[in-house]
Amino acid sequence: MTINSPPELRENSSKKDQPLLIVDNIEASYGPFRALFGVSFTLNYGSSTALLGPNGAGKSTVARVISGLIRPSKGHIYFKGDEITGKDTWRIERLGVAHVPEGRGVFASLTVEENLKVFLSNAVPKKLIGEKIDEAYSFFPRLKERSFQKAETLSGGEQRMLALSRALVAPPVLLIADELSLGLAPIVSQEVWSSMDEIRKKGTSILVIEQNIDRAKTFADNVVELSRGKVVESSST
């Protein structure tokens, strides 16, 4: 499936009438290993999409291509009607894309509070940083208890909370969340998913990559399933 690109749209059409994100016929490789084969899908403003599939299906590679961590060998990525294919990660982030990768997604050698200050320094005016840190602690009280603790000493769930707190207090246009509940205790996983609901209520569009199929389908408006680097199914939940 190849999706018509924004240059083909009528000039007088509103960008918000078009998808927020267009992934168009993407191919990508790690050296000689080809990971993606013509992946295409769209994500609308204010919606949530779950990217599903087994280990090795290419889910995280799609996320890395969108956020600029990997340059595709073929295809195009459009965000808010503009092409972002191959742009630097920091440029894509400034456009409103936040990527919480699988694993830590935090600065391990910095404390919780130092991480929050770094997260917020380019997202909100300097005078609001203290207020926003307090807001993050209100969402995740256990982070306040560990505010002067280095991130590398936090549990996996606490590190995910720290990574997500950025999106809660300075909501991006698009949040890409990769395997947030992987390896978490059920009670911690529920807390993380509750925060995702809060982020969505703030108007952020979400691309969630998840192996817990039932939980992802309950959360998402749409599902895109990958297998061996290809889209095998795309549907609404």
C-alpha atoms as a PDB file:
ATOM      1  CA  MET A   1       0.000   0.000   0.000  1.00  0.00           C
ATOM      2  CA  THR A   2       1.347   3.404  -0.995  1.00  0.00           C
ATOM      3  CA  ILE A   3      -0.316   6.503   0.403  1.00  0.00           C
ATOM      4  CA  ASN A   4      -0.697   9.689  -1.613  1.00  0.00           C
ATOM      5  CA  SER A   5       1.729  12.252  -0.234  1.00  0.00           C
ATOM      6  CA  PRO A   6       0.866  15.797   0.924  1.00  0.00           C
ATOM      7  CA  PRO A   7       2.317  17.528  -2.187  1.00  0.00           C
ATOM      8  CA  GLU A   8      -0.532  15.973  -4.136  1.00  0.00           C
ATOM      9  CA  LEU A   9      -3.163  17.553  -1.866  1.00  0.00           C
ATOM     10  CA  ARG A  10      -4.973  20.699  -2.948  1.00  0.00           C
ATOM     11  CA  GLU A  11      -3.145  23.791  -1.704  1.00  0.00           C
ATOM     12  CA  ASN A  12      -6.226  25.307  -0.098  1.00  0.00           C
ATOM     13  CA  SER A  13      -7.006  22.259   2.059  1.00  0.00           C
ATOM     14  CA  SER A  14      -6.476  22.541   5.808  1.00  0.00           C
ATOM     15  CA  LYS A  15      -3.613  20.462   7.178  1.00  0.00           C
ATOM     16  CA  LYS A  16      -5.839  19.277  10.016  1.00  0.00           C
ATOM     17  CA  ASP A  17      -8.162  17.747   7.449  1.00  0.00           C
ATOM     18  CA  GLN A  18      -5.276  15.418   6.608  1.00  0.00           C
ATOM     19  CA  PRO A  19      -3.630  12.754   8.805  1.00  0.00           C
ATOM     20  CA  LEU A  20      -1.224  14.007  11.449  1.00  0.00           C
ATOM     21  CA  LEU A  21       1.293  11.294  10.535  1.00  0.00           C
ATOM     22  CA  ILE A  22       1.772   9.527   7.211  1.00  0.00           C
ATOM     23  CA  VAL A  23       4.180   6.592   6.998  1.00  0.00           C
ATOM     24  CA  ASP A  24       4.491   5.913   3.284  1.00  0.00           C
ATOM     25  CA  ASN A  25       6.148   2.771   1.888  1.00  0.00           C
ATOM     26  CA  ILE A  26       9.044   2.789   4.369  1.00  0.00           C
ATOM     27  CA  GLU A  27      11.967   0.412   4.025  1.00  0.00           C
ATOM     28  CA  ALA A  28      14.874   0.311   6.478  1.00  0.00           C
ATOM     29  CA  SER A  29      17.886  -1.848   7.238  1.00  0.00           C
ATOM     30  CA  TYR A  30      20.494  -2.530   9.904  1.00  0.00           C
ATOM     31  CA  GLY A  31      23.571  -3.044   7.758  1.00  0.00           C
ATOM     32  CA  PRO A  32      22.852  -6.034   5.496  1.00  0.00           C
ATOM     33  CA  PHE A  33      19.742  -6.977   7.495  1.00  0.00           C
ATOM     34  CA  ARG A  34      16.553  -5.549   6.035  1.00  0.00           C
ATOM     35  CA  ALA A  35      14.061  -4.800   8.811  1.00  0.00           C
ATOM     36  CA  LEU A  36      11.136  -3.046   7.056  1.00  0.00           C
ATOM     37  CA  PHE A  37       9.491  -3.829   3.724  1.00  0.00           C
ATOM     38  CA  GLY A  38       7.163  -1.112   2.403  1.00  0.00           C
ATOM     39  CA  VAL A  39       5.454  -0.214   5.690  1.00  0.00           C
ATOM     40  CA  SER A  40       2.557   2.262   5.299  1.00  0.00           C
ATOM     41  CA  PHE A  41      -0.098   3.588   7.667  1.00  0.00           C
ATOM     42  CA  THR A  42      -1.603   6.877   8.870  1.00  0.00           C
ATOM     43  CA  LEU A  43      -2.432   8.363  12.261  1.00  0.00           C
ATOM     44  CA  ASN A  44      -5.037  11.126  12.641  1.00  0.00           C
ATOM     45  CA  TYR A  45      -5.014  14.182  14.891  1.00  0.00           C
ATOM     46  CA  GLY A  46      -6.183  13.298  18.414  1.00  0.00           C
ATOM     47  CA  SER A  47      -6.241   9.548  17.780  1.00  0.00           C
ATOM     48  CA  SER A  48      -4.274   6.590  19.104  1.00  0.00           C
ATOM     49  CA  THR A  49      -2.828   3.723  17.075  1.00  0.00           C
ATOM     50  CA  ALA A  50      -1.364   0.484  18.415  1.00  0.00           C
ATOM     51  CA  LEU A  51       1.518  -1.025  16.463  1.00  0.00           C
ATOM     52  CA  LEU A  52       1.442  -4.750  17.220  1.00  0.00           C
ATOM     53  CA  GLY A  53       3.458  -7.806  16.320  1.00  0.00           C
ATOM     54  CA  PRO A  54       5.877 -10.390  17.720  1.00  0.00           C
ATOM     55  CA  ASN A  55       9.508  -9.725  18.624  1.00  0.00           C
ATOM     56  CA  GLY A  56      11.489  -8.915  15.496  1.00  0.00           C
ATOM     57  CA  ALA A  57       8.432  -7.747  13.549  1.00  0.00           C
ATOM     58  CA  GLY A  58       9.917  -4.272  13.039  1.00  0.00           C
ATOM     59  CA  LYS A  59       7.785  -2.276  15.485  1.00  0.00           C
ATOM     60  CA  SER A  60      10.636  -0.449  17.220  1.00  0.00           C
ATOM     61  CA  THR A  61      12.341   0.155  13.878  1.00  0.00           C
ATOM     62  CA  VAL A  62       9.229   1.991  12.660  1.00  0.00           C
ATOM     63  CA  ALA A  63       9.342   4.172  15.780  1.00  0.00           C
ATOM     64  CA  ARG A  64      13.026   4.947  15.254  1.00  0.00           C
ATOM     65  CA  VAL A  65      12.455   5.889  11.626  1.00  0.00           C
ATOM     66  CA  ILE A  66       9.630   8.272  12.549  1.00  0.00           C
ATOM     67  CA  SER A  67      11.675   9.975  15.279  1.00  0.00           C
ATOM     68  CA  GLY A  68      14.772  10.248  13.087  1.00  0.00           C
ATOM     69  CA  LEU A  69      16.982   7.737  14.909  1.00  0.00           C
ATOM     70  CA  ILE A  70      17.193   5.628  11.736  1.00  0.00           C
ATOM     71  CA  ARG A  71      17.181   6.919   8.167  1.00  0.00           C
ATOM     72  CA  PRO A  72      14.975   4.857   5.854  1.00  0.00           C
ATOM     73  CA  SER A  73      16.428   3.478   2.642  1.00  0.00           C
ATOM     74  CA  LYS A  74      13.133   4.082   0.843  1.00  0.00           C
ATOM     75  CA  GLY A  75       9.798   5.817   1.433  1.00  0.00           C
ATOM     76  CA  HIS A  76       8.612   8.984   3.128  1.00  0.00           C
ATOM     77  CA  ILE A  77       7.414  10.231   6.526  1.00  0.00           C
ATOM     78  CA  TYR A  78       5.058  13.233   6.735  1.00  0.00           C
ATOM     79  CA  PHE A  79       4.118  15.019   9.959  1.00  0.00           C
ATOM     80  CA  LYS A  80       1.518  17.805  10.065  1.00  0.00           C
ATOM     81  CA  GLY A  81       1.609  17.850   6.258  1.00  0.00           C
ATOM     82  CA  ASP A  82       5.374  18.373   5.961  1.00  0.00           C
ATOM     83  CA  GLU A  83       7.984  15.795   5.062  1.00  0.00           C
ATOM     84  CA  ILE A  84      10.325  14.865   7.910  1.00  0.00           C
ATOM     85  CA  THR A  85      12.055  11.903   6.260  1.00  0.00           C
ATOM     86  CA  GLY A  86      15.682  11.723   7.387  1.00  0.00           C
ATOM     87  CA  LYS A  87      15.558  14.910   9.504  1.00  0.00           C
ATOM     88  CA  ASP A  88      17.673  15.117  12.635  1.00  0.00           C
ATOM     89  CA  THR A  89      15.995  13.755  15.750  1.00  0.00           C
ATOM     90  CA  TRP A  90      16.172  17.082  17.578  1.00  0.00           C
ATOM     91  CA  ARG A  91      14.436  18.844  14.678  1.00  0.00           C
ATOM     92  CA  ILE A  92      11.627  16.280  14.668  1.00  0.00           C
ATOM     93  CA  GLU A  93      11.298  16.630  18.435  1.00  0.00           C
ATOM     94  CA  ARG A  94      10.921  20.402  18.105  1.00  0.00           C
ATOM     95  CA  LEU A  95       8.026  19.843  15.710  1.00  0.00           C
ATOM     96  CA  GLY A  96       6.160  18.099  18.533  1.00  0.00           C
ATOM     97  CA  VAL A  97       7.182  14.436  18.388  1.00  0.00           C
ATOM     98  CA  ALA A  98       8.208  12.797  21.677  1.00  0.00           C
ATOM     99  CA  HIS A  99       9.662   9.277  21.553  1.00  0.00           C
ATOM    100  CA  VAL A 100       9.757   7.204  24.741  1.00  0.00           C
ATOM    101  CA  PRO A 101      11.861   4.215  23.631  1.00  0.00           C
ATOM    102  CA  GLU A 102      11.804   0.685  24.965  1.00  0.00           C
ATOM    103  CA  GLY A 103      13.830   0.504  28.171  1.00  0.00           C
ATOM    104  CA  ARG A 104      14.977   3.564  30.042  1.00  0.00           C
ATOM    105  CA  GLY A 105      14.438   6.604  27.861  1.00  0.00           C
ATOM    106  CA  VAL A 106      16.082   8.682  30.621  1.00  0.00           C
ATOM    107  CA  PHE A 107      19.516  10.040  31.490  1.00  0.00           C
ATOM    108  CA  ALA A 108      20.837   7.308  33.771  1.00  0.00           C
ATOM    109  CA  SER A 109      23.565   9.351  35.495  1.00  0.00           C
ATOM    110  CA  LEU A 110      21.237  12.265  36.367  1.00  0.00           C
ATOM    111  CA  THR A 111      18.836  12.415  39.284  1.00  0.00           C
ATOM    112  CA  VAL A 112      15.086  12.315  38.803  1.00  0.00           C
ATOM    113  CA  GLU A 113      14.830  16.075  39.257  1.00  0.00           C
ATOM    114  CA  GLU A 114      17.768  16.745  36.930  1.00  0.00           C
ATOM    115  CA  ASN A 115      16.089  14.584  34.268  1.00  0.00           C
ATOM    116  CA  LEU A 116      12.892  16.599  34.597  1.00  0.00           C
ATOM    117  CA  LYS A 117      14.800  19.868  34.292  1.00  0.00           C
ATOM    118  CA  VAL A 118      16.511  18.639  31.112  1.00  0.00           C
ATOM    119  CA  PHE A 119      13.206  17.373  29.687  1.00  0.00           C
ATOM    120  CA  LEU A 120      11.473  20.672  30.358  1.00  0.00           C
ATOM    121  CA  SER A 121      14.241  23.150  29.506  1.00  0.00           C
ATOM    122  CA  ASN A 122      13.297  23.296  25.818  1.00  0.00           C
ATOM    123  CA  ALA A 123       9.581  22.679  26.311  1.00  0.00           C
ATOM    124  CA  VAL A 124       8.403  25.403  28.695  1.00  0.00           C
ATOM    125  CA  PRO A 125       9.573  28.883  29.767  1.00  0.00           C
ATOM    126  CA  LYS A 126      12.301  28.785  32.418  1.00  0.00           C
ATOM    127  CA  LYS A 127      10.048  30.416  35.020  1.00  0.00           C
ATOM    128  CA  LEU A 128       7.566  27.527  34.716  1.00  0.00           C
ATOM    129  CA  ILE A 129      10.021  24.641  35.141  1.00  0.00           C
ATOM    130  CA  GLY A 130       9.599  24.418  38.935  1.00  0.00           C
ATOM    131  CA  GLU A 131       5.823  24.428  38.615  1.00  0.00           C
ATOM    132  CA  LYS A 132       5.914  21.717  35.949  1.00  0.00           C
ATOM    133  CA  ILE A 133       8.224  19.540  38.051  1.00  0.00           C
ATOM    134  CA  ASP A 134       5.713  19.750  40.896  1.00  0.00           C
ATOM    135  CA  GLU A 135       3.005  18.783  38.412  1.00  0.00           C
ATOM    136  CA  ALA A 136       5.027  15.724  37.352  1.00  0.00           C
ATOM    137  CA  TYR A 137       5.344  14.701  40.990  1.00  0.00           C
ATOM    138  CA  SER A 138       1.585  15.040  41.413  1.00  0.00           C
ATOM    139  CA  PHE A 139       1.079  12.483  38.620  1.00  0.00           C
ATOM    140  CA  PHE A 140       3.740  10.123  39.987  1.00  0.00           C
ATOM    141  CA  PRO A 141       4.233  10.702  43.742  1.00  0.00           C
ATOM    142  CA  ARG A 142       6.885   7.998  43.940  1.00  0.00           C
ATOM    143  CA  LEU A 143       9.119  10.121  41.688  1.00  0.00           C
ATOM    144  CA  LYS A 144       9.034  12.888  44.297  1.00  0.00           C
ATOM    145  CA  GLU A 145      10.193  10.378  46.901  1.00  0.00           C
ATOM    146  CA  ARG A 146      13.174   9.639  44.652  1.00  0.00           C
ATOM    147  CA  SER A 147      13.776  13.159  43.351  1.00  0.00           C
ATOM    148  CA  PHE A 148      17.475  13.191  44.298  1.00  0.00           C
ATOM    149  CA  GLN A 149      18.084   9.574  43.318  1.00  0.00           C
ATOM    150  CA  LYS A 150      19.970   8.789  40.095  1.00  0.00           C
ATOM    151  CA  ALA A 151      17.735   7.445  37.348  1.00  0.00           C
ATOM    152  CA  GLU A 152      19.931   4.369  36.875  1.00  0.00           C
ATOM    153  CA  THR A 153      18.957   3.198  40.379  1.00  0.00           C
ATOM    154  CA  LEU A 154      15.212   3.362  39.698  1.00  0.00           C
ATOM    155  CA  SER A 155      13.113   0.311  38.929  1.00  0.00           C
ATOM    156  CA  GLY A 156      11.990  -0.278  35.352  1.00  0.00           C
ATOM    157  CA  GLY A 157       8.516   1.019  36.134  1.00  0.00           C
ATOM    158  CA  GLU A 158       9.864   4.146  37.815  1.00  0.00           C
ATOM    159  CA  GLN A 159      12.071   4.877  34.806  1.00  0.00           C
ATOM    160  CA  ARG A 160       9.065   4.613  32.512  1.00  0.00           C
ATOM    161  CA  MET A 161       7.133   6.951  34.790  1.00  0.00           C
ATOM    162  CA  LEU A 162       9.988   9.434  34.617  1.00  0.00           C
ATOM    163  CA  ALA A 163      10.072   9.243  30.815  1.00  0.00           C
ATOM    164  CA  LEU A 164       6.294   9.653  30.592  1.00  0.00           C
ATOM    165  CA  SER A 165       6.175  12.550  33.037  1.00  0.00           C
ATOM    166  CA  ARG A 166       7.620  14.782  30.346  1.00  0.00           C
ATOM    167  CA  ALA A 167       4.657  14.113  28.072  1.00  0.00           C
ATOM    168  CA  LEU A 168       2.214  14.680  30.926  1.00  0.00           C
ATOM    169  CA  VAL A 169       3.447  18.141  31.890  1.00  0.00           C
ATOM    170  CA  ALA A 170       4.486  19.333  28.408  1.00  0.00           C
ATOM    171  CA  PRO A 171       2.190  17.391  26.053  1.00  0.00           C
ATOM    172  CA  PRO A 172       3.671  16.756  22.582  1.00  0.00           C
ATOM    173  CA  VAL A 173       1.616  16.691  19.405  1.00  0.00           C
ATOM    174  CA  LEU A 174       2.568  13.035  18.920  1.00  0.00           C
ATOM    175  CA  LEU A 175       3.832  10.600  21.550  1.00  0.00           C
ATOM    176  CA  ILE A 176       5.551   7.412  20.409  1.00  0.00           C
ATOM    177  CA  ALA A 177       5.559   4.994  23.352  1.00  0.00           C
ATOM    178  CA  ASP A 178       7.550   1.787  22.899  1.00  0.00           C
ATOM    179  CA  GLU A 179       6.787  -1.253  25.104  1.00  0.00           C
ATOM    180  CA  LEU A 180       5.838   0.763  28.181  1.00  0.00           C
ATOM    181  CA  SER A 181       4.459  -2.180  30.157  1.00  0.00           C
ATOM    182  CA  LEU A 182       7.165  -4.714  29.276  1.00  0.00           C
ATOM    183  CA  GLY A 183       8.356  -6.497  32.398  1.00  0.00           C
ATOM    184  CA  LEU A 184       6.322  -4.390  34.808  1.00  0.00           C
ATOM    185  CA  ALA A 185       4.324  -5.639  37.778  1.00  0.00           C
ATOM    186  CA  PRO A 186       0.561  -5.421  37.063  1.00  0.00           C
ATOM    187  CA  ILE A 187      -0.026  -2.580  39.542  1.00  0.00           C
ATOM    188  CA  VAL A 188       2.812  -0.515  38.050  1.00  0.00           C
ATOM    189  CA  SER A 189       1.668  -1.306  34.521  1.00  0.00           C
ATOM    190  CA  GLN A 190      -1.818  -0.025  35.365  1.00  0.00           C
ATOM    191  CA  GLU A 191      -0.334   3.203  36.696  1.00  0.00           C
ATOM    192  CA  VAL A 192       1.639   3.681  33.482  1.00  0.00           C
ATOM    193  CA  TRP A 193      -1.419   3.036  31.298  1.00  0.00           C
ATOM    194  CA  SER A 194      -3.467   5.462  33.405  1.00  0.00           C
ATOM    195  CA  SER A 195      -0.894   8.134  32.630  1.00  0.00           C
ATOM    196  CA  MET A 196      -1.317   7.359  28.931  1.00  0.00           C
ATOM    197  CA  ASP A 197      -5.038   8.050  29.278  1.00  0.00           C
ATOM    198  CA  GLU A 198      -4.209  11.417  30.859  1.00  0.00           C
ATOM    199  CA  ILE A 199      -1.849  12.274  27.997  1.00  0.00           C
ATOM    200  CA  ARG A 200      -4.535  11.417  25.455  1.00  0.00           C
ATOM    201  CA  LYS A 201      -7.082  13.603  27.290  1.00  0.00           C
ATOM    202  CA  LYS A 202      -4.705  16.537  26.827  1.00  0.00           C
ATOM    203  CA  GLY A 203      -5.093  16.143  23.045  1.00  0.00           C
ATOM    204  CA  THR A 204      -1.866  14.310  22.235  1.00  0.00           C
ATOM    205  CA  SER A 205      -1.985  11.742  19.438  1.00  0.00           C
ATOM    206  CA  ILE A 206      -0.331   8.467  20.420  1.00  0.00           C
ATOM    207  CA  LEU A 207       1.467   5.675  18.603  1.00  0.00           C
ATOM    208  CA  VAL A 208       1.874   2.870  21.133  1.00  0.00           C
ATOM    209  CA  ILE A 209       4.054  -0.167  20.478  1.00  0.00           C
ATOM    210  CA  GLU A 210       2.987  -3.059  22.647  1.00  0.00           C
ATOM    211  CA  GLN A 211       3.127  -6.847  22.959  1.00  0.00           C
ATOM    212  CA  ASN A 212       0.115  -6.976  25.301  1.00  0.00           C
ATOM    213  CA  ILE A 213      -2.402  -7.199  22.474  1.00  0.00           C
ATOM    214  CA  ASP A 214      -5.554  -7.093  24.599  1.00  0.00           C
ATOM    215  CA  ARG A 215      -4.412  -4.019  26.559  1.00  0.00           C
ATOM    216  CA  ALA A 216      -3.288  -2.205  23.415  1.00  0.00           C
ATOM    217  CA  LYS A 217      -6.560  -2.884  21.605  1.00  0.00           C
ATOM    218  CA  THR A 218      -8.524  -1.616  24.596  1.00  0.00           C
ATOM    219  CA  PHE A 219      -6.528   1.607  24.567  1.00  0.00           C
ATOM    220  CA  ALA A 220      -6.152   2.345  20.845  1.00  0.00           C
ATOM    221  CA  ASP A 221      -8.574   3.608  18.211  1.00  0.00           C
ATOM    222  CA  ASN A 222      -6.748   1.752  15.441  1.00  0.00           C
ATOM    223  CA  VAL A 223      -4.427  -1.233  15.142  1.00  0.00           C
ATOM    224  CA  VAL A 224      -1.592  -1.849  12.691  1.00  0.00           C
ATOM    225  CA  GLU A 225      -0.102  -5.336  12.869  1.00  0.00           C
ATOM    226  CA  LEU A 226       3.407  -6.108  11.609  1.00  0.00           C
ATOM    227  CA  SER A 227       5.029  -9.415  10.799  1.00  0.00           C
ATOM    228  CA  ARG A 228       8.579  -9.770   9.466  1.00  0.00           C
ATOM    229  CA  GLY A 229       8.770  -6.090   8.632  1.00  0.00           C
ATOM    230  CA  LYS A 230       5.497  -5.898   6.709  1.00  0.00           C
ATOM    231  CA  VAL A 231       1.992  -4.655   7.526  1.00  0.00           C
ATOM    232  CA  VAL A 232      -0.278  -7.705   7.604  1.00  0.00           C
ATOM    233  CA  GLU A 233      -3.397  -6.059   9.020  1.00  0.00           C
ATOM    234  CA  SER A 234      -4.758  -2.575   9.650  1.00  0.00           C
ATOM    235  CA  SER A 235      -8.106  -2.020  11.345  1.00  0.00           C
ATOM    236  CA  SER A 236     -10.159   0.045  13.783  1.00  0.00           C
ATOM    237  CA  THR A 237     -10.775  -1.298  17.290  1.00  0.00           C
END
